[in-house]
Amino acid sequence: MKKIIFSSLTVMLATQAIASNNNYMVKNNSNFQSKSYLIFKGLMSKGAKVKHAHNITLEGNDAKGFAVDFGYNLPYGFSTEFIFSYAQNSVKETDASDPLNIHHKDIDATYFTYGSAFVYTVHLTQDSGLFLKAGYKTEVEDLDGDKNNQRGLIYAVGGEYKIFPLVWLLAEYEKSTINGPKGNNFYFGLKSFF
């Protein structure tokens, strides 16, 4: 876990150092914005059904939570982000050797995720844009005290719209190679430059 956090911070600091050699800043209505930003967003997931052990299946309900991303703009529409999220849901555990499903268990689950990503944004107008995101994350899954760490790739697509000079409204859909009962994420939130 420490290696992933250290690697992510190293990538962000390196890209910030490279970008600081350029006099590039996001231009917006002849006012200059900072290169750094924070994204606060709500998280929702529809859940997923996955095999957990030999005969055990986990089926997650809707998950809800929040996410915080710290980002830094680079030239030519690129940026780098350090990502955090927290979500919780209930998970139904069933055993294939119990065909009547008499002995199923309902489990409270929590998910803490961290990682880093690169983002490419195409601005359609001065006030709107579409973006693609790709990165790597670690998800710490806690199923009623049974903790499991999974790592995987993420890829996302989204859109943003400026509502104030330094604030953008943002919507995002994210898929992951992590196979868990939370499923894929939908985000809705605010991006604020500072």
Protein backbone atom coordinates (compact mmCIF):
# COMPACT_ATOMS: atom_id res chain seq x y z
CA MET A 1 0.00 0.00 0.00
CA LYS A 2 2.84 2.39 0.88
CA LYS A 3 4.55 1.62 -2.45
CA ILE A 4 1.40 2.54 -4.42
CA ILE A 5 0.92 5.82 -2.52
CA PHE A 6 4.60 6.67 -2.88
CA SER A 7 4.56 5.84 -6.61
CA SER A 8 1.42 7.92 -7.19
CA LEU A 9 2.84 10.92 -5.35
CA THR A 10 6.12 10.58 -7.24
CA VAL A 11 4.30 10.60 -10.60
CA MET A 12 2.28 13.66 -9.59
CA LEU A 13 5.32 15.58 -8.34
CA ALA A 14 7.34 14.67 -11.44
CA THR A 15 4.59 15.82 -13.79
CA GLN A 16 4.19 19.01 -11.77
CA ALA A 17 7.93 19.69 -12.01
CA ILE A 18 7.93 19.08 -15.78
CA ALA A 19 4.87 21.24 -16.31
CA SER A 20 6.26 24.07 -14.16
CA ASN A 21 9.04 24.53 -16.74
CA ASN A 22 6.35 25.54 -19.22
CA ASN A 23 4.39 28.75 -18.89
CA TYR A 24 1.20 26.83 -19.62
CA MET A 25 -1.97 27.67 -17.75
CA VAL A 26 -5.60 26.97 -18.60
CA LYS A 27 -6.94 30.12 -20.18
CA ASN A 28 -10.55 30.98 -19.55
CA ASN A 29 -12.20 34.23 -20.72
CA SER A 30 -8.82 36.04 -20.59
CA ASN A 31 -8.50 35.14 -16.87
CA PHE A 32 -5.89 32.58 -15.90
CA GLN A 33 -6.74 29.64 -13.69
CA SER A 34 -4.54 27.68 -11.42
CA LYS A 35 -3.21 24.37 -12.71
CA SER A 36 -4.27 22.51 -9.55
CA TYR A 37 -7.81 21.36 -8.82
CA LEU A 38 -9.91 19.31 -6.42
CA ILE A 39 -12.93 17.22 -7.39
CA PHE A 40 -15.60 16.38 -4.82
CA LYS A 41 -18.15 13.91 -6.13
CA GLY A 42 -20.87 11.56 -5.01
CA LEU A 43 -20.51 7.90 -5.99
CA MET A 44 -23.17 5.39 -6.93
CA SER A 45 -22.80 1.83 -8.16
CA LYS A 46 -25.42 -0.72 -9.21
CA GLY A 47 -23.56 -3.63 -7.60
CA ALA A 48 -22.34 -6.81 -9.26
CA LYS A 49 -22.55 -10.60 -8.90
CA VAL A 50 -19.16 -12.33 -8.55
CA LYS A 51 -17.76 -15.74 -7.57
CA HIS A 52 -15.95 -15.45 -4.25
CA ALA A 53 -14.83 -18.98 -3.44
CA HIS A 54 -15.47 -22.49 -4.79
CA ASN A 55 -19.24 -22.56 -4.21
CA ILE A 56 -19.76 -19.03 -2.85
CA THR A 57 -21.32 -16.20 -4.86
CA LEU A 58 -21.46 -12.56 -3.73
CA GLU A 59 -24.17 -10.26 -5.07
CA GLY A 60 -23.85 -6.58 -4.19
CA ASN A 61 -26.73 -4.14 -3.88
CA ASP A 62 -26.50 -0.47 -4.86
CA ALA A 63 -23.42 1.13 -3.34
CA LYS A 64 -23.26 4.76 -2.29
CA GLY A 65 -20.31 6.87 -1.23
CA PHE A 66 -18.07 9.77 -2.14
CA ALA A 67 -14.80 10.45 -3.93
CA VAL A 68 -12.12 13.14 -3.79
CA ASP A 69 -9.59 13.62 -6.60
CA PHE A 70 -6.59 15.94 -6.53
CA GLY A 71 -5.52 16.93 -10.03
CA TYR A 72 -2.89 18.93 -11.86
CA ASN A 73 -3.30 20.28 -15.41
CA LEU A 74 -0.55 19.58 -17.93
CA PRO A 75 -0.18 21.04 -21.44
CA TYR A 76 -2.29 19.98 -24.42
CA GLY A 77 -5.40 18.90 -22.50
CA PHE A 78 -3.69 16.33 -20.27
CA SER A 79 -3.81 16.17 -16.49
CA THR A 80 -2.84 13.78 -13.74
CA GLU A 81 -4.99 12.87 -10.73
CA PHE A 82 -4.55 11.21 -7.37
CA ILE A 83 -7.88 9.52 -6.54
CA PHE A 84 -9.62 8.45 -3.32
CA SER A 85 -13.09 7.00 -2.79
CA TYR A 86 -15.20 5.42 -0.08
CA ALA A 87 -18.42 3.44 -0.62
CA GLN A 88 -20.65 1.02 1.24
CA ASN A 89 -23.40 -1.44 0.39
CA SER A 90 -24.89 -4.73 1.49
CA VAL A 91 -23.83 -7.99 -0.14
CA LYS A 92 -25.78 -11.24 -0.32
CA GLU A 93 -23.59 -14.33 0.09
CA THR A 94 -25.03 -17.57 -1.33
CA ASP A 95 -23.69 -21.12 -1.45
CA ALA A 96 -24.22 -23.15 -4.65
CA SER A 97 -24.52 -26.30 -2.54
CA ASP A 98 -27.69 -24.78 -0.99
CA PRO A 99 -30.11 -24.76 -4.00
CA LEU A 100 -33.05 -23.45 -1.92
CA ASN A 101 -30.92 -20.53 -0.74
CA ILE A 102 -31.97 -21.13 2.87
CA HIS A 103 -28.61 -20.32 4.45
CA HIS A 104 -27.67 -17.12 2.61
CA LYS A 105 -26.01 -14.29 4.56
CA ASP A 106 -26.42 -10.53 4.19
CA ILE A 107 -23.08 -8.81 4.74
CA ASP A 108 -22.28 -5.12 5.27
CA ALA A 109 -19.47 -4.12 2.93
CA THR A 110 -17.21 -1.07 2.71
CA TYR A 111 -14.74 -0.14 -0.04
CA PHE A 112 -11.79 2.26 0.28
CA THR A 113 -10.05 2.99 -3.01
CA TYR A 114 -6.90 4.96 -3.85
CA GLY A 115 -4.76 5.31 -6.94
CA SER A 116 -3.68 7.60 -9.76
CA ALA A 117 -4.86 8.35 -13.26
CA PHE A 118 -4.11 10.33 -16.39
CA VAL A 119 -6.88 12.38 -17.96
CA TYR A 120 -7.29 13.79 -21.45
CA THR A 121 -9.89 16.55 -21.90
CA VAL A 122 -11.28 17.91 -25.15
CA HIS A 123 -12.93 21.30 -24.66
CA LEU A 124 -15.97 21.56 -26.90
CA THR A 125 -16.47 25.22 -25.94
CA GLN A 126 -14.86 27.51 -23.37
CA ASP A 127 -17.44 26.27 -20.87
CA SER A 128 -17.74 22.54 -21.62
CA GLY A 129 -15.58 19.51 -22.24
CA LEU A 130 -15.45 15.74 -22.54
CA PHE A 131 -12.73 13.66 -20.93
CA LEU A 132 -11.20 10.18 -20.96
CA LYS A 133 -9.41 8.78 -17.90
CA ALA A 134 -7.10 5.78 -17.45
CA GLY A 135 -5.23 4.73 -14.35
CA TYR A 136 -4.47 2.18 -11.68
CA LYS A 137 -6.08 1.75 -8.27
CA THR A 138 -6.12 -0.38 -5.16
CA GLU A 139 -9.46 -1.25 -3.57
CA VAL A 140 -9.60 -2.38 0.05
CA GLU A 141 -12.82 -4.39 0.33
CA ASP A 142 -14.13 -5.12 3.83
CA LEU A 143 -16.91 -7.73 3.96
CA ASP A 144 -17.98 -7.81 7.62
CA GLY A 145 -14.36 -7.85 8.81
CA ASP A 146 -13.02 -10.07 5.99
CA LYS A 147 -10.60 -7.67 4.24
CA ASN A 148 -9.42 -8.18 0.68
CA ASN A 149 -7.05 -5.94 -1.31
CA GLN A 150 -7.47 -5.90 -5.07
CA ARG A 151 -5.54 -3.92 -7.67
CA GLY A 152 -6.58 -3.13 -11.19
CA LEU A 153 -6.85 -0.75 -14.10
CA ILE A 154 -9.56 1.89 -14.35
CA TYR A 155 -10.92 3.65 -17.38
CA ALA A 156 -13.59 6.31 -17.41
CA VAL A 157 -15.44 8.74 -19.62
CA GLY A 158 -17.18 11.91 -18.53
CA GLY A 159 -18.19 15.46 -19.19
CA GLU A 160 -17.77 18.79 -17.44
CA TYR A 161 -19.50 22.16 -17.63
CA LYS A 162 -18.34 25.46 -16.13
CA ILE A 163 -20.91 26.96 -13.75
CA PHE A 164 -18.66 29.62 -12.10
CA PRO A 165 -15.25 31.03 -13.13
CA LEU A 166 -13.30 28.41 -11.14
CA VAL A 167 -15.97 25.73 -10.65
CA TRP A 168 -17.10 23.03 -13.08
CA LEU A 169 -20.00 20.57 -12.80
CA LEU A 170 -18.83 17.03 -13.57
CA ALA A 171 -20.38 13.64 -14.43
CA GLU A 172 -18.33 10.46 -14.92
CA TYR A 173 -18.74 6.73 -15.56
CA GLU A 174 -15.88 4.46 -14.48
CA LYS A 175 -15.16 0.79 -15.20
CA SER A 176 -12.46 -1.28 -13.53
CA THR A 177 -10.72 -4.61 -13.95
CA ILE A 178 -11.27 -5.22 -10.22
CA ASN A 179 -13.80 -8.03 -9.82
CA GLY A 180 -15.90 -7.25 -6.75
CA PRO A 181 -19.51 -6.92 -5.59
CA LYS A 182 -19.46 -3.11 -5.80
CA GLY A 183 -19.47 -3.01 -9.60
CA ASN A 184 -18.78 0.00 -11.82
CA ASN A 185 -19.08 3.57 -10.56
CA PHE A 186 -21.15 6.59 -11.54
CA TYR A 187 -19.95 9.97 -10.21
CA PHE A 188 -21.53 13.40 -10.07
CA GLY A 189 -19.82 16.38 -8.47
CA LEU A 190 -17.83 19.61 -8.63
CA LYS A 191 -14.34 20.39 -9.90
CA SER A 192 -12.78 23.44 -8.26
CA PHE A 193 -9.51 25.13 -9.27
CA PHE A 194 -7.28 26.65 -6.61
